[in-house]
Amino acid sequence: MKTVSISAKQYDNVIYIAENIQSDKARESAYEKVKKLLLNDAKNNSKESA
């Protein structure tokens, strides 16, 4: 089974539409994926500045 959600937001004259589909076979949630990407990016940036 897949979970599907669609959301729309309007900012000024632009409408943004986001469609989210999550499979029951997913190993991580979108939140977990984005968190991991941000933490890895921050870690890589701190290594480069050192």
C-alpha atoms as a PDB file:
ATOM      1  CA  MET A   1       0.000   0.000   0.000  1.00  0.00           C
ATOM      2  CA  LYS A   2       1.187   3.523  -0.767  1.00  0.00           C
ATOM      3  CA  THR A   3       0.350   6.677   1.134  1.00  0.00           C
ATOM      4  CA  VAL A   4      -0.363   9.605  -1.176  1.00  0.00           C
ATOM      5  CA  SER A   5      -0.835  13.233  -0.217  1.00  0.00           C
ATOM      6  CA  ILE A   6      -0.968  16.389  -2.271  1.00  0.00           C
ATOM      7  CA  SER A   7      -0.580  19.892  -0.903  1.00  0.00           C
ATOM      8  CA  ALA A   8      -0.596  23.299  -2.533  1.00  0.00           C
ATOM      9  CA  LYS A   9       0.664  26.653  -1.291  1.00  0.00           C
ATOM     10  CA  GLN A  10       0.491  30.033  -2.941  1.00  0.00           C
ATOM     11  CA  TYR A  11       3.188  32.659  -2.496  1.00  0.00           C
ATOM     12  CA  ASP A  12       2.581  35.904  -4.357  1.00  0.00           C
ATOM     13  CA  ASN A  13       1.512  34.876  -7.867  1.00  0.00           C
ATOM     14  CA  VAL A  14       3.060  31.397  -7.782  1.00  0.00           C
ATOM     15  CA  ILE A  15       1.305  28.199  -6.720  1.00  0.00           C
ATOM     16  CA  TYR A  16       3.553  25.375  -5.511  1.00  0.00           C
ATOM     17  CA  ILE A  17       2.117  21.854  -5.616  1.00  0.00           C
ATOM     18  CA  ALA A  18       3.834  19.014  -3.757  1.00  0.00           C
ATOM     19  CA  GLU A  19       2.880  15.386  -4.231  1.00  0.00           C
ATOM     20  CA  ASN A  20       4.117  12.892  -1.663  1.00  0.00           C
ATOM     21  CA  ILE A  21       4.002   9.147  -2.271  1.00  0.00           C
ATOM     22  CA  GLN A  22       5.383   6.803   0.348  1.00  0.00           C
ATOM     23  CA  SER A  23       5.766   3.114  -0.306  1.00  0.00           C
ATOM     24  CA  ASP A  24       5.424   0.507   2.400  1.00  0.00           C
ATOM     25  CA  LYS A  25       8.864  -0.682   1.233  1.00  0.00           C
ATOM     26  CA  ALA A  26      10.499   2.662   2.090  1.00  0.00           C
ATOM     27  CA  ARG A  27      13.463   2.323   4.429  1.00  0.00           C
ATOM     28  CA  GLU A  28      13.222   5.860   5.796  1.00  0.00           C
ATOM     29  CA  SER A  29      10.723   8.707   5.866  1.00  0.00           C
ATOM     30  CA  ALA A  30      11.173  11.937   3.922  1.00  0.00           C
ATOM     31  CA  TYR A  31      11.865  13.699   7.230  1.00  0.00           C
ATOM     32  CA  GLU A  32      14.617  11.208   8.092  1.00  0.00           C
ATOM     33  CA  LYS A  33      16.118  11.491   4.594  1.00  0.00           C
ATOM     34  CA  VAL A  34      16.227  15.304   4.629  1.00  0.00           C
ATOM     35  CA  LYS A  35      17.621  15.324   8.169  1.00  0.00           C
ATOM     36  CA  LYS A  36      20.380  12.896   7.146  1.00  0.00           C
ATOM     37  CA  LEU A  37      21.225  14.974   4.050  1.00  0.00           C
ATOM     38  CA  LEU A  38      21.421  18.198   6.084  1.00  0.00           C
ATOM     39  CA  LEU A  39      23.578  16.639   8.787  1.00  0.00           C
ATOM     40  CA  ASN A  40      25.937  15.104   6.217  1.00  0.00           C
ATOM     41  CA  ASP A  41      26.207  18.425   4.382  1.00  0.00           C
ATOM     42  CA  ALA A  42      26.965  20.285   7.604  1.00  0.00           C
ATOM     43  CA  LYS A  43      29.567  17.680   8.524  1.00  0.00           C
ATOM     44  CA  ASN A  44      31.242  17.947   5.095  1.00  0.00           C
ATOM     45  CA  ASN A  45      31.232  21.750   5.231  1.00  0.00           C
ATOM     46  CA  SER A  46      32.851  21.781   8.681  1.00  0.00           C
ATOM     47  CA  LYS A  47      35.622  19.462   7.443  1.00  0.00           C
ATOM     48  CA  GLU A  48      36.321  21.748   4.465  1.00  0.00           C
ATOM     49  CA  SER A  49      36.580  24.861   6.638  1.00  0.00           C
ATOM     50  CA  ALA A  50      38.946  23.225   9.130  1.00  0.00           C
END
